[in-house]
Amino acid sequence: MFIVNEREREYRFGESGPKYLLRGPHLNFAVVRLRPGEIFHAHYHNVMEENFYVLEGQVDIVMDGMKYVLNTGGLIHIEPKEVHYLVDSYDQPVKMVTVLAPYQEMDKVNVDDPACYSGPVG
């Protein structure tokens, strides 16, 4: 058994980014916050599936070149190897939950392709 309160953890970048409440042994569970204009850069996972559920606000999720807009209550499921990134293109912060499974300690692959940030997000 494991119990934690979100207030006991910090966002990776101070006021934004992921805040992991659980990392393994079976899955990762985090709260993610993006401020207006922030981008969570392009990446994919070799093994883990990733799910984002929007608690507050609105976010653009670009996956394999297609933009999807998620509002409060929206969920997106991303399969392994699908390149994706998130952009808060709106005037309010967005707060989401992300769940990644099955847990892999080192499974995130960053994509350094500037073409990922052109096109559908403007």
PDB file of N, CA and C in Angstrom:
ATOM      1  N   MET A   1       0.846  -1.190   0.000  1.00  0.00           N
ATOM      2  CA  MET A   1       0.000   0.000   0.000  1.00  0.00           C
ATOM      3  C   MET A   1       0.880   1.238   0.000  1.00  0.00           C
ATOM      4  N   PHE A   2       0.344   2.309  -0.609  1.00  0.00           N
ATOM      5  CA  PHE A   2       1.100   3.547  -0.730  1.00  0.00           C
ATOM      6  C   PHE A   2       0.121   4.705  -0.705  1.00  0.00           C
ATOM      7  N   ILE A   3       0.357   5.696   0.145  1.00  0.00           N
ATOM      8  CA  ILE A   3      -0.492   6.880   0.224  1.00  0.00           C
ATOM      9  C   ILE A   3       0.395   8.114   0.121  1.00  0.00           C
ATOM     10  N   VAL A   4      -0.019   9.060  -0.707  1.00  0.00           N
ATOM     11  CA  VAL A   4       0.707  10.322  -0.849  1.00  0.00           C
ATOM     12  C   VAL A   4      -0.322  11.418  -1.133  1.00  0.00           C
ATOM     13  N   ASN A   5       0.002  12.626  -0.746  1.00  0.00           N
ATOM     14  CA  ASN A   5      -0.832  13.780  -1.069  1.00  0.00           C
ATOM     15  C   ASN A   5      -0.072  14.653  -2.046  1.00  0.00           C
ATOM     16  N   GLU A   6      -0.749  15.167  -3.038  1.00  0.00           N
ATOM     17  CA  GLU A   6      -0.118  16.010  -4.055  1.00  0.00           C
ATOM     18  C   GLU A   6       0.697  17.140  -3.432  1.00  0.00           C
ATOM     19  N   ARG A   7       0.255  17.696  -2.315  1.00  0.00           N
ATOM     20  CA  ARG A   7       0.961  18.805  -1.667  1.00  0.00           C
ATOM     21  C   ARG A   7       2.368  18.418  -1.206  1.00  0.00           C
ATOM     22  N   GLU A   8       2.632  17.108  -1.110  1.00  0.00           N
ATOM     23  CA  GLU A   8       3.946  16.625  -0.658  1.00  0.00           C
ATOM     24  C   GLU A   8       4.976  16.580  -1.784  1.00  0.00           C
ATOM     25  N   ARG A   9       4.567  16.838  -3.008  1.00  0.00           N
ATOM     26  CA  ARG A   9       5.461  16.758  -4.159  1.00  0.00           C
ATOM     27  C   ARG A   9       5.568  18.120  -4.838  1.00  0.00           C
ATOM     28  N   GLU A  10       6.597  18.280  -5.681  1.00  0.00           N
ATOM     29  CA  GLU A  10       6.807  19.537  -6.398  1.00  0.00           C
ATOM     30  C   GLU A  10       6.800  19.292  -7.896  1.00  0.00           C
ATOM     31  N   TYR A  11       6.361  20.310  -8.646  1.00  0.00           N
ATOM     32  CA  TYR A  11       6.436  20.249 -10.091  1.00  0.00           C
ATOM     33  C   TYR A  11       7.904  20.289 -10.512  1.00  0.00           C
ATOM     34  N   ARG A  12       8.239  19.617 -11.586  1.00  0.00           N
ATOM     35  CA  ARG A  12       9.618  19.527 -12.058  1.00  0.00           C
ATOM     36  C   ARG A  12      10.233  20.896 -12.339  1.00  0.00           C
ATOM     37  N   PHE A  13       9.441  21.844 -12.868  1.00  0.00           N
ATOM     38  CA  PHE A  13       9.967  23.153 -13.255  1.00  0.00           C
ATOM     39  C   PHE A  13       9.461  24.262 -12.342  1.00  0.00           C
ATOM     40  N   GLY A  14       9.262  23.978 -11.076  1.00  0.00           N
ATOM     41  CA  GLY A  14       8.802  24.988 -10.127  1.00  0.00           C
ATOM     42  C   GLY A  14       7.296  25.101 -10.094  1.00  0.00           C
ATOM     43  N   GLU A  15       6.720  25.867 -11.043  1.00  0.00           N
ATOM     44  CA  GLU A  15       5.271  26.054 -11.081  1.00  0.00           C
ATOM     45  C   GLU A  15       4.594  25.220 -12.161  1.00  0.00           C
ATOM     46  N   SER A  16       5.386  24.428 -12.894  1.00  0.00           N
ATOM     47  CA  SER A  16       4.793  23.667 -13.987  1.00  0.00           C
ATOM     48  C   SER A  16       5.600  22.400 -14.247  1.00  0.00           C
ATOM     49  N   GLY A  17       5.098  21.641 -15.212  1.00  0.00           N
ATOM     50  CA  GLY A  17       5.717  20.367 -15.554  1.00  0.00           C
ATOM     51  C   GLY A  17       5.030  19.231 -14.824  1.00  0.00           C
ATOM     52  N   PRO A  18       5.630  18.044 -14.856  1.00  0.00           N
ATOM     53  CA  PRO A  18       5.031  16.914 -14.144  1.00  0.00           C
ATOM     54  C   PRO A  18       5.378  16.951 -12.656  1.00  0.00           C
ATOM     55  N   LYS A  19       4.473  16.434 -11.869  1.00  0.00           N
ATOM     56  CA  LYS A  19       4.661  16.246 -10.430  1.00  0.00           C
ATOM     57  C   LYS A  19       4.313  14.783 -10.168  1.00  0.00           C
ATOM     58  N   TYR A  20       5.323  13.931 -10.046  1.00  0.00           N
ATOM     59  CA  TYR A  20       5.083  12.498  -9.911  1.00  0.00           C
ATOM     60  C   TYR A  20       4.636  12.149  -8.493  1.00  0.00           C
ATOM     61  N   LEU A  21       3.496  11.499  -8.414  1.00  0.00           N
ATOM     62  CA  LEU A  21       3.002  11.001  -7.136  1.00  0.00           C
ATOM     63  C   LEU A  21       3.394   9.541  -6.950  1.00  0.00           C
ATOM     64  N   LEU A  22       3.627   8.865  -8.070  1.00  0.00           N
ATOM     65  CA  LEU A  22       4.005   7.450  -8.032  1.00  0.00           C
ATOM     66  C   LEU A  22       4.877   7.152  -9.246  1.00  0.00           C
ATOM     67  N   ARG A  23       6.024   6.506  -9.004  1.00  0.00           N
ATOM     68  CA  ARG A  23       6.925   6.081 -10.088  1.00  0.00           C
ATOM     69  C   ARG A  23       7.250   4.614  -9.861  1.00  0.00           C
ATOM     70  N   GLY A  24       6.542   3.750 -10.598  1.00  0.00           N
ATOM     71  CA  GLY A  24       6.737   2.306 -10.493  1.00  0.00           C
ATOM     72  C   GLY A  24       6.151   1.756  -9.211  1.00  0.00           C
ATOM     73  N   PRO A  25       6.170   0.456  -9.016  1.00  0.00           N
ATOM     74  CA  PRO A  25       6.824  -0.527  -9.870  1.00  0.00           C
ATOM     75  C   PRO A  25       5.988  -0.963 -11.085  1.00  0.00           C
ATOM     76  N   HIS A  26       4.697  -0.560 -11.127  1.00  0.00           N
ATOM     77  CA  HIS A  26       3.840  -1.016 -12.224  1.00  0.00           C
ATOM     78  C   HIS A  26       3.424   0.103 -13.172  1.00  0.00           C
ATOM     79  N   LEU A  27       3.391   1.348 -12.670  1.00  0.00           N
ATOM     80  CA  LEU A  27       2.981   2.483 -13.486  1.00  0.00           C
ATOM     81  C   LEU A  27       3.512   3.770 -12.900  1.00  0.00           C
ATOM     82  N   ASN A  28       3.486   4.830 -13.717  1.00  0.00           N
ATOM     83  CA  ASN A  28       3.764   6.193 -13.257  1.00  0.00           C
ATOM     84  C   ASN A  28       2.440   6.936 -13.187  1.00  0.00           C
ATOM     85  N   PHE A  29       2.262   7.747 -12.150  1.00  0.00           N
ATOM     86  CA  PHE A  29       1.072   8.570 -11.981  1.00  0.00           C
ATOM     87  C   PHE A  29       1.561   9.961 -11.611  1.00  0.00           C
ATOM     88  N   ALA A  30       1.173  10.968 -12.409  1.00  0.00           N
ATOM     89  CA  ALA A  30       1.638  12.333 -12.152  1.00  0.00           C
ATOM     90  C   ALA A  30       0.532  13.337 -12.414  1.00  0.00           C
ATOM     91  N   VAL A  31       0.641  14.471 -11.757  1.00  0.00           N
ATOM     92  CA  VAL A  31      -0.156  15.651 -12.070  1.00  0.00           C
ATOM     93  C   VAL A  31       0.749  16.530 -12.923  1.00  0.00           C
ATOM     94  N   VAL A  32       0.212  17.055 -14.017  1.00  0.00           N
ATOM     95  CA  VAL A  32       0.985  17.901 -14.916  1.00  0.00           C
ATOM     96  C   VAL A  32       0.308  19.257 -14.999  1.00  0.00           C
ATOM     97  N   ARG A  33       1.104  20.304 -14.911  1.00  0.00           N
ATOM     98  CA  ARG A  33       0.581  21.664 -15.046  1.00  0.00           C
ATOM     99  C   ARG A  33       1.396  22.390 -16.105  1.00  0.00           C
ATOM    100  N   LEU A  34       0.697  23.024 -17.035  1.00  0.00           N
ATOM    101  CA  LEU A  34       1.342  23.894 -18.020  1.00  0.00           C
ATOM    102  C   LEU A  34       0.754  25.285 -17.887  1.00  0.00           C
ATOM    103  N   ARG A  35       1.614  26.275 -17.977  1.00  0.00           N
ATOM    104  CA  ARG A  35       1.169  27.662 -17.968  1.00  0.00           C
ATOM    105  C   ARG A  35       0.918  28.114 -19.402  1.00  0.00           C
ATOM    106  N   PRO A  36       0.137  29.170 -19.600  1.00  0.00           N
ATOM    107  CA  PRO A  36      -0.120  29.664 -20.952  1.00  0.00           C
ATOM    108  C   PRO A  36       1.175  29.852 -21.739  1.00  0.00           C
ATOM    109  N   GLY A  37       1.196  29.293 -22.952  1.00  0.00           N
ATOM    110  CA  GLY A  37       2.352  29.401 -23.823  1.00  0.00           C
ATOM    111  C   GLY A  37       3.397  28.314 -23.640  1.00  0.00           C
ATOM    112  N   GLU A  38       3.291  27.527 -22.596  1.00  0.00           N
ATOM    113  CA  GLU A  38       4.293  26.483 -22.352  1.00  0.00           C
ATOM    114  C   GLU A  38       4.088  25.273 -23.262  1.00  0.00           C
ATOM    115  N   ILE A  39       5.221  24.651 -23.592  1.00  0.00           N
ATOM    116  CA  ILE A  39       5.232  23.436 -24.404  1.00  0.00           C
ATOM    117  C   ILE A  39       5.895  22.326 -23.603  1.00  0.00           C
ATOM    118  N   PHE A  40       5.270  21.156 -23.577  1.00  0.00           N
ATOM    119  CA  PHE A  40       5.895  19.943 -23.054  1.00  0.00           C
ATOM    120  C   PHE A  40       6.418  19.229 -24.285  1.00  0.00           C
ATOM    121  N   HIS A  41       7.713  19.245 -24.485  1.00  0.00           N
ATOM    122  CA  HIS A  41       8.356  18.934 -25.759  1.00  0.00           C
ATOM    123  C   HIS A  41       8.083  17.529 -26.297  1.00  0.00           C
ATOM    124  N   ALA A  42       8.295  17.406 -27.605  1.00  0.00           N
ATOM    125  CA  ALA A  42       8.003  16.178 -28.344  1.00  0.00           C
ATOM    126  C   ALA A  42       8.827  15.004 -27.829  1.00  0.00           C
ATOM    127  N   HIS A  43       8.138  13.881 -27.684  1.00  0.00           N
ATOM    128  CA  HIS A  43       8.774  12.659 -27.225  1.00  0.00           C
ATOM    129  C   HIS A  43       7.874  11.471 -27.550  1.00  0.00           C
ATOM    130  N   TYR A  44       8.391  10.304 -27.307  1.00  0.00           N
ATOM    131  CA  TYR A  44       7.591   9.089 -27.378  1.00  0.00           C
ATOM    132  C   TYR A  44       8.147   8.099 -26.367  1.00  0.00           C
ATOM    133  N   HIS A  45       7.440   7.018 -26.181  1.00  0.00           N
ATOM    134  CA  HIS A  45       7.857   5.957 -25.272  1.00  0.00           C
ATOM    135  C   HIS A  45       7.953   4.663 -26.065  1.00  0.00           C
ATOM    136  N   ASN A  46       8.974   3.881 -25.785  1.00  0.00           N
ATOM    137  CA  ASN A  46       9.144   2.608 -26.480  1.00  0.00           C
ATOM    138  C   ASN A  46       8.169   1.550 -25.998  1.00  0.00           C
ATOM    139  N   VAL A  47       7.893   1.526 -24.707  1.00  0.00           N
ATOM    140  CA  VAL A  47       7.079   0.464 -24.109  1.00  0.00           C
ATOM    141  C   VAL A  47       5.806   1.003 -23.462  1.00  0.00           C
ATOM    142  N   MET A  48       5.925   2.130 -22.763  1.00  0.00           N
ATOM    143  CA  MET A  48       4.794   2.614 -21.971  1.00  0.00           C
ATOM    144  C   MET A  48       3.713   3.262 -22.823  1.00  0.00           C
ATOM    145  N   GLU A  49       2.473   3.002 -22.456  1.00  0.00           N
ATOM    146  CA  GLU A  49       1.316   3.741 -22.959  1.00  0.00           C
ATOM    147  C   GLU A  49       1.169   4.960 -22.068  1.00  0.00           C
ATOM    148  N   GLU A  50       0.687   6.076 -22.627  1.00  0.00           N
ATOM    149  CA  GLU A  50       0.506   7.286 -21.829  1.00  0.00           C
ATOM    150  C   GLU A  50      -0.918   7.793 -21.991  1.00  0.00           C
ATOM    151  N   ASN A  51      -1.512   8.159 -20.870  1.00  0.00           N
ATOM    152  CA  ASN A  51      -2.869   8.698 -20.850  1.00  0.00           C
ATOM    153  C   ASN A  51      -2.830  10.064 -20.183  1.00  0.00           C
ATOM    154  N   PHE A  52      -3.517  11.034 -20.774  1.00  0.00           N
ATOM    155  CA  PHE A  52      -3.682  12.356 -20.174  1.00  0.00           C
ATOM    156  C   PHE A  52      -5.165  12.586 -19.942  1.00  0.00           C
ATOM    157  N   TYR A  53      -5.510  13.004 -18.730  1.00  0.00           N
ATOM    158  CA  TYR A  53      -6.884  13.360 -18.372  1.00  0.00           C
ATOM    159  C   TYR A  53      -6.861  14.801 -17.859  1.00  0.00           C
ATOM    160  N   VAL A  54      -7.647  15.679 -18.475  1.00  0.00           N
ATOM    161  CA  VAL A  54      -7.630  17.103 -18.131  1.00  0.00           C
ATOM    162  C   VAL A  54      -8.548  17.369 -16.934  1.00  0.00           C
ATOM    163  N   LEU A  55      -7.953  17.890 -15.862  1.00  0.00           N
ATOM    164  CA  LEU A  55      -8.699  18.263 -14.658  1.00  0.00           C
ATOM    165  C   LEU A  55      -9.255  19.680 -14.756  1.00  0.00           C
ATOM    166  N   GLU A  56      -8.425  20.590 -15.275  1.00  0.00           N
ATOM    167  CA  GLU A  56      -8.803  22.008 -15.378  1.00  0.00           C
ATOM    168  C   GLU A  56      -8.165  22.595 -16.623  1.00  0.00           C
ATOM    169  N   GLY A  57      -8.924  23.391 -17.363  1.00  0.00           N
ATOM    170  CA  GLY A  57      -8.369  24.125 -18.487  1.00  0.00           C
ATOM    171  C   GLY A  57      -8.499  23.410 -19.817  1.00  0.00           C
ATOM    172  N   GLN A  58      -7.605  23.778 -20.707  1.00  0.00           N
ATOM    173  CA  GLN A  58      -7.653  23.304 -22.088  1.00  0.00           C
ATOM    174  C   GLN A  58      -6.215  23.176 -22.581  1.00  0.00           C
ATOM    175  N   VAL A  59      -5.940  22.154 -23.408  1.00  0.00           N
ATOM    176  CA  VAL A  59      -4.587  21.914 -23.894  1.00  0.00           C
ATOM    177  C   VAL A  59      -4.640  21.362 -25.313  1.00  0.00           C
ATOM    178  N   ASP A  60      -3.634  21.708 -26.108  1.00  0.00           N
ATOM    179  CA  ASP A  60      -3.461  21.106 -27.424  1.00  0.00           C
ATOM    180  C   ASP A  60      -2.470  19.962 -27.278  1.00  0.00           C
ATOM    181  N   ILE A  61      -2.849  18.797 -27.772  1.00  0.00           N
ATOM    182  CA  ILE A  61      -1.943  17.657 -27.808  1.00  0.00           C
ATOM    183  C   ILE A  61      -1.729  17.320 -29.270  1.00  0.00           C
ATOM    184  N   VAL A  62      -0.477  17.386 -29.694  1.00  0.00           N
ATOM    185  CA  VAL A  62      -0.138  17.095 -31.074  1.00  0.00           C
ATOM    186  C   VAL A  62       0.507  15.714 -31.100  1.00  0.00           C
ATOM    187  N   MET A  63      -0.110  14.832 -31.871  1.00  0.00           N
ATOM    188  CA  MET A  63       0.365  13.456 -31.951  1.00  0.00           C
ATOM    189  C   MET A  63       0.510  13.084 -33.413  1.00  0.00           C
ATOM    190  N   ASP A  64       1.719  12.702 -33.774  1.00  0.00           N
ATOM    191  CA  ASP A  64       2.019  12.322 -35.151  1.00  0.00           C
ATOM    192  C   ASP A  64       1.508  13.363 -36.150  1.00  0.00           C
ATOM    193  N   GLY A  65       1.686  14.657 -35.795  1.00  0.00           N
ATOM    194  CA  GLY A  65       1.344  15.749 -36.697  1.00  0.00           C
ATOM    195  C   GLY A  65      -0.098  16.216 -36.668  1.00  0.00           C
ATOM    196  N   MET A  66      -0.957  15.575 -35.900  1.00  0.00           N
ATOM    197  CA  MET A  66      -2.370  15.960 -35.804  1.00  0.00           C
ATOM    198  C   MET A  66      -2.627  16.612 -34.447  1.00  0.00           C
ATOM    199  N   LYS A  67      -3.325  17.769 -34.462  1.00  0.00           N
ATOM    200  CA  LYS A  67      -3.636  18.471 -33.217  1.00  0.00           C
ATOM    201  C   LYS A  67      -4.992  18.028 -32.683  1.00  0.00           C
ATOM    202  N   TYR A  68      -5.022  17.731 -31.393  1.00  0.00           N
ATOM    203  CA  TYR A  68      -6.253  17.384 -30.686  1.00  0.00           C
ATOM    204  C   TYR A  68      -6.395  18.368 -29.527  1.00  0.00           C
ATOM    205  N   VAL A  69      -7.577  18.934 -29.369  1.00  0.00           N
ATOM    206  CA  VAL A  69      -7.841  19.874 -28.286  1.00  0.00           C
ATOM    207  C   VAL A  69      -8.612  19.138 -27.198  1.00  0.00           C
ATOM    208  N   LEU A  70      -8.043  19.120 -26.003  1.00  0.00           N
ATOM    209  CA  LEU A  70      -8.705  18.490 -24.864  1.00  0.00           C
ATOM    210  C   LEU A  70      -9.132  19.559 -23.886  1.00  0.00           C
ATOM    211  N   ASN A  71     -10.378  19.469 -23.430  1.00  0.00           N
ATOM    212  CA  ASN A  71     -10.941  20.360 -22.421  1.00  0.00           C
ATOM    213  C   ASN A  71     -11.103  19.597 -21.120  1.00  0.00           C
ATOM    214  N   THR A  72     -11.519  20.299 -20.077  1.00  0.00           N
ATOM    215  CA  THR A  72     -11.787  19.679 -18.792  1.00  0.00           C
ATOM    216  C   THR A  72     -12.656  18.440 -18.987  1.00  0.00           C
ATOM    217  N   GLY A  73     -12.194  17.327 -18.422  1.00  0.00           N
ATOM    218  CA  GLY A  73     -12.916  16.063 -18.540  1.00  0.00           C
ATOM    219  C   GLY A  73     -12.478  15.217 -19.716  1.00  0.00           C
ATOM    220  N   GLY A  74     -11.624  15.757 -20.596  1.00  0.00           N
ATOM    221  CA  GLY A  74     -11.166  15.016 -21.769  1.00  0.00           C
ATOM    222  C   GLY A  74     -10.003  14.103 -21.444  1.00  0.00           C
ATOM    223  N   LEU A  75      -9.946  12.978 -22.151  1.00  0.00           N
ATOM    224  CA  LEU A  75      -8.873  12.007 -21.978  1.00  0.00           C
ATOM    225  C   LEU A  75      -8.340  11.602 -23.342  1.00  0.00           C
ATOM    226  N   ILE A  76      -7.018  11.439 -23.438  1.00  0.00           N
ATOM    227  CA  ILE A  76      -6.399  10.909 -24.645  1.00  0.00           C
ATOM    228  C   ILE A  76      -5.488   9.759 -24.237  1.00  0.00           C
ATOM    229  N   HIS A  77      -5.512   8.690 -25.018  1.00  0.00           N
ATOM    230  CA  HIS A  77      -4.650   7.530 -24.817  1.00  0.00           C
ATOM    231  C   HIS A  77      -3.629   7.506 -25.945  1.00  0.00           C
ATOM    232  N   ILE A  78      -2.354   7.422 -25.593  1.00  0.00           N
ATOM    233  CA  ILE A  78      -1.271   7.437 -26.568  1.00  0.00           C
ATOM    234  C   ILE A  78      -0.514   6.120 -26.485  1.00  0.00           C
ATOM    235  N   GLU A  79      -0.410   5.467 -27.622  1.00  0.00           N
ATOM    236  CA  GLU A  79       0.275   4.176 -27.701  1.00  0.00           C
ATOM    237  C   GLU A  79       1.791   4.367 -27.735  1.00  0.00           C
ATOM    238  N   PRO A  80       2.555   3.325 -27.395  1.00  0.00           N
ATOM    239  CA  PRO A  80       4.010   3.407 -27.533  1.00  0.00           C
ATOM    240  C   PRO A  80       4.394   3.775 -28.972  1.00  0.00           C
ATOM    241  N   LYS A  81       5.480   4.514 -29.100  1.00  0.00           N
ATOM    242  CA  LYS A  81       6.075   4.946 -30.374  1.00  0.00           C
ATOM    243  C   LYS A  81       5.333   6.102 -31.039  1.00  0.00           C
ATOM    244  N   GLU A  82       4.198   6.549 -30.499  1.00  0.00           N
ATOM    245  CA  GLU A  82       3.495   7.691 -31.081  1.00  0.00           C
ATOM    246  C   GLU A  82       4.127   8.985 -30.549  1.00  0.00           C
ATOM    247  N   VAL A  83       4.726   9.750 -31.446  1.00  0.00           N
ATOM    248  CA  VAL A  83       5.375  11.013 -31.067  1.00  0.00           C
ATOM    249  C   VAL A  83       4.294  12.016 -30.690  1.00  0.00           C
ATOM    250  N   HIS A  84       4.475  12.666 -29.545  1.00  0.00           N
ATOM    251  CA  HIS A  84       3.471  13.615 -29.075  1.00  0.00           C
ATOM    252  C   HIS A  84       4.121  14.743 -28.279  1.00  0.00           C
ATOM    253  N   TYR A  85       3.423  15.883 -28.270  1.00  0.00           N
ATOM    254  CA  TYR A  85       3.803  16.982 -27.401  1.00  0.00           C
ATOM    255  C   TYR A  85       2.558  17.765 -27.026  1.00  0.00           C
ATOM    256  N   LEU A  86       2.666  18.564 -25.968  1.00  0.00           N
ATOM    257  CA  LEU A  86       1.539  19.318 -25.421  1.00  0.00           C
ATOM    258  C   LEU A  86       1.863  20.798 -25.452  1.00  0.00           C
ATOM    259  N   VAL A  87       0.848  21.612 -25.745  1.00  0.00           N
ATOM    260  CA  VAL A  87       1.002  23.064 -25.771  1.00  0.00           C
ATOM    261  C   VAL A  87      -0.206  23.680 -25.078  1.00  0.00           C
ATOM    262  N   ASP A  88       0.060  24.566 -24.117  1.00  0.00           N
ATOM    263  CA  ASP A  88      -1.025  25.363 -23.545  1.00  0.00           C
ATOM    264  C   ASP A  88      -1.117  26.634 -24.385  1.00  0.00           C
ATOM    265  N   SER A  89      -1.979  26.605 -25.392  1.00  0.00           N
ATOM    266  CA  SER A  89      -2.155  27.737 -26.317  1.00  0.00           C
ATOM    267  C   SER A  89      -3.197  28.726 -25.819  1.00  0.00           C
ATOM    268  N   TYR A  90      -3.631  28.597 -24.605  1.00  0.00           N
ATOM    269  CA  TYR A  90      -4.777  29.342 -24.100  1.00  0.00           C
ATOM    270  C   TYR A  90      -4.346  30.303 -22.998  1.00  0.00           C
ATOM    271  N   ASP A  91      -5.274  31.085 -22.473  1.00  0.00           N
ATOM    272  CA  ASP A  91      -4.910  32.129 -21.515  1.00  0.00           C
ATOM    273  C   ASP A  91      -5.005  31.686 -20.059  1.00  0.00           C
ATOM    274  N   GLN A  92      -5.232  30.401 -19.821  1.00  0.00           N
ATOM    275  CA  GLN A  92      -5.307  29.861 -18.468  1.00  0.00           C
ATOM    276  C   GLN A  92      -4.387  28.641 -18.351  1.00  0.00           C
ATOM    277  N   PRO A  93      -3.851  28.386 -17.156  1.00  0.00           N
ATOM    278  CA  PRO A  93      -3.072  27.157 -16.973  1.00  0.00           C
ATOM    279  C   PRO A  93      -3.946  25.924 -17.178  1.00  0.00           C
ATOM    280  N   VAL A  94      -3.320  24.833 -17.532  1.00  0.00           N
ATOM    281  CA  VAL A  94      -4.017  23.558 -17.636  1.00  0.00           C
ATOM    282  C   VAL A  94      -3.424  22.629 -16.591  1.00  0.00           C
ATOM    283  N   LYS A  95      -4.295  21.832 -15.979  1.00  0.00           N
ATOM    284  CA  LYS A  95      -3.864  20.841 -14.982  1.00  0.00           C
ATOM    285  C   LYS A  95      -4.417  19.495 -15.420  1.00  0.00           C
ATOM    286  N   MET A  96      -3.532  18.511 -15.512  1.00  0.00           N
ATOM    287  CA  MET A  96      -3.910  17.186 -16.006  1.00  0.00           C
ATOM    288  C   MET A  96      -3.342  16.107 -15.101  1.00  0.00           C
ATOM    289  N   VAL A  97      -3.882  14.920 -15.266  1.00  0.00           N
ATOM    290  CA  VAL A  97      -3.303  13.713 -14.691  1.00  0.00           C
ATOM    291  C   VAL A  97      -2.713  12.923 -15.849  1.00  0.00           C
ATOM    292  N   THR A  98      -1.537  12.345 -15.649  1.00  0.00           N
ATOM    293  CA  THR A  98      -0.985  11.427 -16.636  1.00  0.00           C
ATOM    294  C   THR A  98      -0.655  10.110 -15.961  1.00  0.00           C
ATOM    295  N   VAL A  99      -0.987   9.032 -16.660  1.00  0.00           N
ATOM    296  CA  VAL A  99      -0.692   7.676 -16.184  1.00  0.00           C
ATOM    297  C   VAL A  99       0.076   6.973 -17.304  1.00  0.00           C
ATOM    298  N   LEU A 100       1.230   6.423 -16.963  1.00  0.00           N
ATOM    299  CA  LEU A 100       2.045   5.682 -17.920  1.00  0.00           C
ATOM    300  C   LEU A 100       2.237   4.257 -17.415  1.00  0.00           C
ATOM    301  N   ALA A 101       2.044   3.287 -18.303  1.00  0.00           N
ATOM    302  CA  ALA A 101       2.191   1.882 -17.908  1.00  0.00           C
ATOM    303  C   ALA A 101       2.458   1.038 -19.152  1.00  0.00           C
ATOM    304  N   PRO A 102       3.070  -0.120 -19.019  1.00  0.00           N
ATOM    305  CA  PRO A 102       3.705  -0.650 -17.813  1.00  0.00           C
ATOM    306  C   PRO A 102       4.987   0.123 -17.508  1.00  0.00           C
ATOM    307  N   TYR A 103       5.290   0.247 -16.245  1.00  0.00           N
ATOM    308  CA  TYR A 103       6.411   1.043 -15.789  1.00  0.00           C
ATOM    309  C   TYR A 103       7.728   0.583 -16.417  1.00  0.00           C
ATOM    310  N   GLN A 104       8.462   1.553 -16.918  1.00  0.00           N
ATOM    311  CA  GLN A 104       9.835   1.377 -17.390  1.00  0.00           C
ATOM    312  C   GLN A 104      10.619   2.559 -16.859  1.00  0.00           C
ATOM    313  N   GLU A 105      11.745   2.309 -16.227  1.00  0.00           N
ATOM    314  CA  GLU A 105      12.507   3.391 -15.614  1.00  0.00           C
ATOM    315  C   GLU A 105      13.001   4.418 -16.637  1.00  0.00           C
ATOM    316  N   MET A 106      13.505   3.964 -17.763  1.00  0.00           N
ATOM    317  CA  MET A 106      14.061   4.863 -18.778  1.00  0.00           C
ATOM    318  C   MET A 106      13.397   4.562 -20.121  1.00  0.00           C
ATOM    319  N   ASP A 107      12.241   5.142 -20.375  1.00  0.00           N
ATOM    320  CA  ASP A 107      11.490   4.792 -21.578  1.00  0.00           C
ATOM    321  C   ASP A 107      11.153   5.999 -22.454  1.00  0.00           C
ATOM    322  N   LYS A 108      11.401   7.202 -21.971  1.00  0.00           N
ATOM    323  CA  LYS A 108      11.068   8.406 -22.734  1.00  0.00           C
ATOM    324  C   LYS A 108      12.182   8.712 -23.729  1.00  0.00           C
ATOM    325  N   VAL A 109      11.796   8.948 -24.985  1.00  0.00           N
ATOM    326  CA  VAL A 109      12.750   9.304 -26.032  1.00  0.00           C
ATOM    327  C   VAL A 109      12.385  10.699 -26.540  1.00  0.00           C
ATOM    328  N   ASN A 110      13.249  11.679 -26.301  1.00  0.00           N
ATOM    329  CA  ASN A 110      12.994  13.041 -26.766  1.00  0.00           C
ATOM    330  C   ASN A 110      13.208  13.128 -28.273  1.00  0.00           C
ATOM    331  N   VAL A 111      12.406  13.955 -28.914  1.00  0.00           N
ATOM    332  CA  VAL A 111      12.500  14.167 -30.351  1.00  0.00           C
ATOM    333  C   VAL A 111      12.961  15.596 -30.580  1.00  0.00           C
ATOM    334  N   ASP A 112      14.122  15.760 -31.181  1.00  0.00           N
ATOM    335  CA  ASP A 112      14.687  17.086 -31.431  1.00  0.00           C
ATOM    336  C   ASP A 112      14.472  17.508 -32.873  1.00  0.00           C
ATOM    337  N   ASP A 113      13.261  17.427 -33.345  1.00  0.00           N
ATOM    338  CA  ASP A 113      12.945  17.777 -34.728  1.00  0.00           C
ATOM    339  C   ASP A 113      12.118  19.051 -34.726  1.00  0.00           C
ATOM    340  N   PRO A 114      12.692  20.182 -35.135  1.00  0.00           N
ATOM    341  CA  PRO A 114      11.926  21.442 -35.145  1.00  0.00           C
ATOM    342  C   PRO A 114      10.652  21.357 -35.968  1.00  0.00           C
ATOM    343  N   ALA A 115      10.579  20.445 -36.916  1.00  0.00           N
ATOM    344  CA  ALA A 115       9.357  20.294 -37.731  1.00  0.00           C
ATOM    345  C   ALA A 115       8.181  19.889 -36.859  1.00  0.00           C
ATOM    346  N   CYS A 116       8.445  19.276 -35.705  1.00  0.00           N
ATOM    347  CA  CYS A 116       7.358  18.893 -34.802  1.00  0.00           C
ATOM    348  C   CYS A 116       6.572  20.104 -34.333  1.00  0.00           C
ATOM    349  N   TYR A 117       7.230  21.276 -34.280  1.00  0.00           N
ATOM    350  CA  TYR A 117       6.594  22.454 -33.721  1.00  0.00           C
ATOM    351  C   TYR A 117       6.061  23.415 -34.780  1.00  0.00           C
ATOM    352  N   SER A 118       6.054  22.980 -36.031  1.00  0.00           N
ATOM    353  CA  SER A 118       5.455  23.816 -37.071  1.00  0.00           C
ATOM    354  C   SER A 118       4.191  23.128 -37.570  1.00  0.00           C
ATOM    355  N   GLY A 119       3.377  23.837 -38.232  1.00  0.00           N
ATOM    356  CA  GLY A 119       2.177  23.234 -38.805  1.00  0.00           C
ATOM    357  C   GLY A 119       0.965  23.420 -37.934  1.00  0.00           C
ATOM    358  N   PRO A 120       0.504  22.361 -37.268  1.00  0.00           N
ATOM    359  CA  PRO A 120      -0.805  22.421 -36.636  1.00  0.00           C
ATOM    360  C   PRO A 120      -0.907  23.346 -35.439  1.00  0.00           C
ATOM    361  N   VAL A 121       0.198  23.676 -34.788  1.00  0.00           N
ATOM    362  CA  VAL A 121       0.121  24.551 -33.611  1.00  0.00           C
ATOM    363  C   VAL A 121       0.530  25.946 -34.014  1.00  0.00           C
ATOM    364  N   GLY A 122      -0.336  26.923 -33.720  1.00  0.00           N
ATOM    365  CA  GLY A 122       0.004  28.263 -34.163  1.00  0.00           C
ATOM    366  C   GLY A 122      -0.194  29.324 -33.166  1.00  0.00           C
TER     367      GLY A 122
END
